[in-house]
Amino acid sequence: MKKLVRSNSQQMAFGVLGGIAEYFNIDATILRLVFAIAFIFSGGIPLALIYIIAIFIIPNERDSYQ
């Protein structure tokens, strides 16, 4: 069973988007581009808050037991 974790191998800032990309088996670069475009068009604040919350909620890959 796959577990959603922050990625260490696909990490740019905190590994949140890399972890989500690994979980859904998609390219992390594509997800980052979609996130950046959504960030611009949403005004930034809502997605920034969601990203910050995800940093604290999603466990790090090296800290999770698999």
N, C-alpha and C. Protein backbone atom coordinates (compact mmCIF):
# COMPACT_ATOMS: atom_id res chain seq x y z
N MET A 1 0.84 -1.18 0.00
CA MET A 1 0.00 0.00 0.00
C MET A 1 0.89 1.24 0.00
N LYS A 2 0.61 2.15 -0.94
CA LYS A 2 1.39 3.38 -1.03
C LYS A 2 0.97 4.33 0.08
N LYS A 3 1.95 5.09 0.53
CA LYS A 3 1.72 6.06 1.59
C LYS A 3 2.18 7.43 1.10
N LEU A 4 1.38 8.45 1.38
CA LEU A 4 1.74 9.81 0.98
C LEU A 4 2.77 10.35 1.96
N VAL A 5 3.96 10.65 1.44
CA VAL A 5 5.04 11.22 2.26
C VAL A 5 5.71 12.33 1.46
N ARG A 6 6.39 13.22 2.18
CA ARG A 6 7.19 14.24 1.51
C ARG A 6 8.44 13.57 0.95
N SER A 7 8.76 13.85 -0.28
CA SER A 7 9.85 13.19 -0.98
C SER A 7 11.21 13.77 -0.61
N ASN A 8 12.20 12.89 -0.51
CA ASN A 8 13.58 13.34 -0.35
C ASN A 8 14.29 13.39 -1.70
N SER A 9 13.87 12.55 -2.64
CA SER A 9 14.54 12.50 -3.93
C SER A 9 14.00 13.56 -4.90
N GLN A 10 12.74 13.93 -4.79
CA GLN A 10 12.11 14.92 -5.66
C GLN A 10 11.87 16.23 -4.91
N GLN A 11 12.81 16.63 -4.10
CA GLN A 11 12.61 17.78 -3.21
C GLN A 11 13.17 19.05 -3.81
N MET A 12 12.35 20.10 -3.85
CA MET A 12 12.84 21.42 -4.22
C MET A 12 12.77 22.34 -3.01
N ALA A 13 11.60 22.46 -2.42
CA ALA A 13 11.46 23.29 -1.22
C ALA A 13 11.40 22.38 0.01
N PHE A 14 10.30 21.69 0.17
CA PHE A 14 10.14 20.79 1.32
C PHE A 14 9.72 19.39 0.90
N GLY A 15 9.63 19.13 -0.40
CA GLY A 15 9.29 17.80 -0.89
C GLY A 15 7.81 17.49 -0.95
N VAL A 16 6.96 18.48 -0.70
CA VAL A 16 5.51 18.24 -0.68
C VAL A 16 5.03 17.87 -2.09
N LEU A 17 5.33 18.69 -3.07
CA LEU A 17 4.87 18.41 -4.43
C LEU A 17 5.55 17.19 -5.01
N GLY A 18 6.81 16.97 -4.67
CA GLY A 18 7.50 15.76 -5.11
C GLY A 18 6.87 14.51 -4.54
N GLY A 19 6.46 14.56 -3.28
CA GLY A 19 5.80 13.43 -2.65
C GLY A 19 4.43 13.16 -3.26
N ILE A 20 3.69 14.22 -3.54
CA ILE A 20 2.38 14.06 -4.17
C ILE A 20 2.55 13.48 -5.58
N ALA A 21 3.56 13.95 -6.31
CA ALA A 21 3.82 13.43 -7.66
C ALA A 21 4.19 11.95 -7.61
N GLU A 22 5.02 11.54 -6.65
CA GLU A 22 5.38 10.13 -6.52
C GLU A 22 4.16 9.29 -6.15
N TYR A 23 3.29 9.81 -5.30
CA TYR A 23 2.11 9.08 -4.87
C TYR A 23 1.16 8.81 -6.05
N PHE A 24 0.96 9.83 -6.88
CA PHE A 24 0.06 9.69 -8.02
C PHE A 24 0.79 9.24 -9.29
N ASN A 25 2.08 8.98 -9.21
CA ASN A 25 2.89 8.48 -10.31
C ASN A 25 2.85 9.42 -11.52
N ILE A 26 3.08 10.70 -11.27
CA ILE A 26 3.17 11.69 -12.34
C ILE A 26 4.50 12.43 -12.20
N ASP A 27 4.86 13.15 -13.23
CA ASP A 27 6.12 13.88 -13.23
C ASP A 27 6.04 15.07 -12.27
N ALA A 28 7.02 15.21 -11.41
CA ALA A 28 7.02 16.28 -10.41
C ALA A 28 7.11 17.65 -11.06
N THR A 29 7.80 17.75 -12.19
CA THR A 29 7.92 19.04 -12.87
C THR A 29 6.57 19.52 -13.37
N ILE A 30 5.77 18.61 -13.91
CA ILE A 30 4.43 18.97 -14.38
C ILE A 30 3.59 19.48 -13.21
N LEU A 31 3.65 18.77 -12.09
CA LEU A 31 2.87 19.18 -10.92
C LEU A 31 3.33 20.54 -10.40
N ARG A 32 4.62 20.78 -10.42
CA ARG A 32 5.13 22.09 -9.98
C ARG A 32 4.67 23.21 -10.90
N LEU A 33 4.64 22.96 -12.20
CA LEU A 33 4.15 23.96 -13.15
C LEU A 33 2.67 24.25 -12.93
N VAL A 34 1.87 23.21 -12.74
CA VAL A 34 0.44 23.39 -12.47
C VAL A 34 0.25 24.18 -11.17
N PHE A 35 1.04 23.84 -10.15
CA PHE A 35 0.95 24.55 -8.87
C PHE A 35 1.32 26.02 -9.04
N ALA A 36 2.37 26.30 -9.80
CA ALA A 36 2.81 27.68 -10.01
C ALA A 36 1.75 28.49 -10.75
N ILE A 37 1.16 27.89 -11.77
CA ILE A 37 0.11 28.59 -12.53
C ILE A 37 -1.11 28.83 -11.64
N ALA A 38 -1.52 27.81 -10.88
CA ALA A 38 -2.66 27.96 -9.97
C ALA A 38 -2.35 28.99 -8.89
N PHE A 39 -1.10 29.04 -8.44
CA PHE A 39 -0.68 30.01 -7.43
C PHE A 39 -0.86 31.43 -7.94
N ILE A 40 -0.46 31.65 -9.18
CA ILE A 40 -0.56 32.99 -9.78
C ILE A 40 -2.02 33.41 -9.93
N PHE A 41 -2.85 32.49 -10.45
CA PHE A 41 -4.24 32.85 -10.74
C PHE A 41 -5.13 32.87 -9.50
N SER A 42 -4.70 32.24 -8.41
CA SER A 42 -5.53 32.24 -7.20
C SER A 42 -5.20 33.41 -6.27
N GLY A 43 -4.20 34.17 -6.60
CA GLY A 43 -3.79 35.25 -5.72
C GLY A 43 -2.72 34.81 -4.72
N GLY A 44 -2.42 33.53 -4.68
CA GLY A 44 -1.32 33.03 -3.89
C GLY A 44 -1.62 32.62 -2.47
N ILE A 45 -2.37 33.39 -1.74
CA ILE A 45 -2.58 33.15 -0.31
C ILE A 45 -3.22 31.79 -0.01
N PRO A 46 -4.32 31.41 -0.69
CA PRO A 46 -4.93 30.11 -0.35
C PRO A 46 -3.99 28.93 -0.59
N LEU A 47 -3.31 28.92 -1.73
CA LEU A 47 -2.40 27.81 -2.00
C LEU A 47 -1.17 27.84 -1.10
N ALA A 48 -0.71 29.02 -0.74
CA ALA A 48 0.42 29.12 0.17
C ALA A 48 0.07 28.53 1.53
N LEU A 49 -1.13 28.82 2.01
CA LEU A 49 -1.56 28.26 3.29
C LEU A 49 -1.71 26.74 3.23
N ILE A 50 -2.27 26.24 2.13
CA ILE A 50 -2.41 24.79 1.96
C ILE A 50 -1.04 24.14 1.92
N TYR A 51 -0.09 24.74 1.22
CA TYR A 51 1.27 24.19 1.12
C TYR A 51 1.94 24.17 2.49
N ILE A 52 1.81 25.25 3.23
CA ILE A 52 2.43 25.32 4.57
C ILE A 52 1.82 24.29 5.51
N ILE A 53 0.51 24.12 5.45
CA ILE A 53 -0.15 23.10 6.28
C ILE A 53 0.33 21.71 5.88
N ALA A 54 0.47 21.47 4.57
CA ALA A 54 0.93 20.17 4.09
C ALA A 54 2.35 19.85 4.57
N ILE A 55 3.18 20.86 4.71
CA ILE A 55 4.54 20.64 5.21
C ILE A 55 4.50 19.99 6.60
N PHE A 56 3.57 20.43 7.42
CA PHE A 56 3.49 19.92 8.79
C PHE A 56 2.67 18.64 8.91
N ILE A 57 1.72 18.42 8.00
CA ILE A 57 0.85 17.25 8.10
C ILE A 57 1.45 16.02 7.44
N ILE A 58 2.01 16.17 6.24
CA ILE A 58 2.55 15.03 5.50
C ILE A 58 3.92 14.68 6.09
N PRO A 59 4.11 13.43 6.52
CA PRO A 59 5.39 13.06 7.12
C PRO A 59 6.50 12.99 6.08
N ASN A 60 7.73 13.18 6.54
CA ASN A 60 8.90 13.09 5.67
C ASN A 60 9.16 11.64 5.33
N GLU A 61 9.71 11.40 4.15
CA GLU A 61 9.96 10.04 3.66
C GLU A 61 10.89 9.28 4.61
N ARG A 62 11.93 9.91 5.09
CA ARG A 62 12.89 9.20 5.94
C ARG A 62 12.35 8.97 7.37
N ASP A 63 11.31 9.73 7.76
CA ASP A 63 10.74 9.57 9.09
C ASP A 63 9.60 8.54 9.14
N SER A 64 9.04 8.20 7.96
CA SER A 64 7.90 7.28 7.96
C SER A 64 8.39 5.83 7.94
N TYR A 65 7.62 4.98 8.52
CA TYR A 65 7.93 3.55 8.55
C TYR A 65 7.18 2.88 7.43
N GLN A 66 7.92 2.24 6.52
CA GLN A 66 7.26 1.58 5.40
C GLN A 66 7.43 0.10 5.46
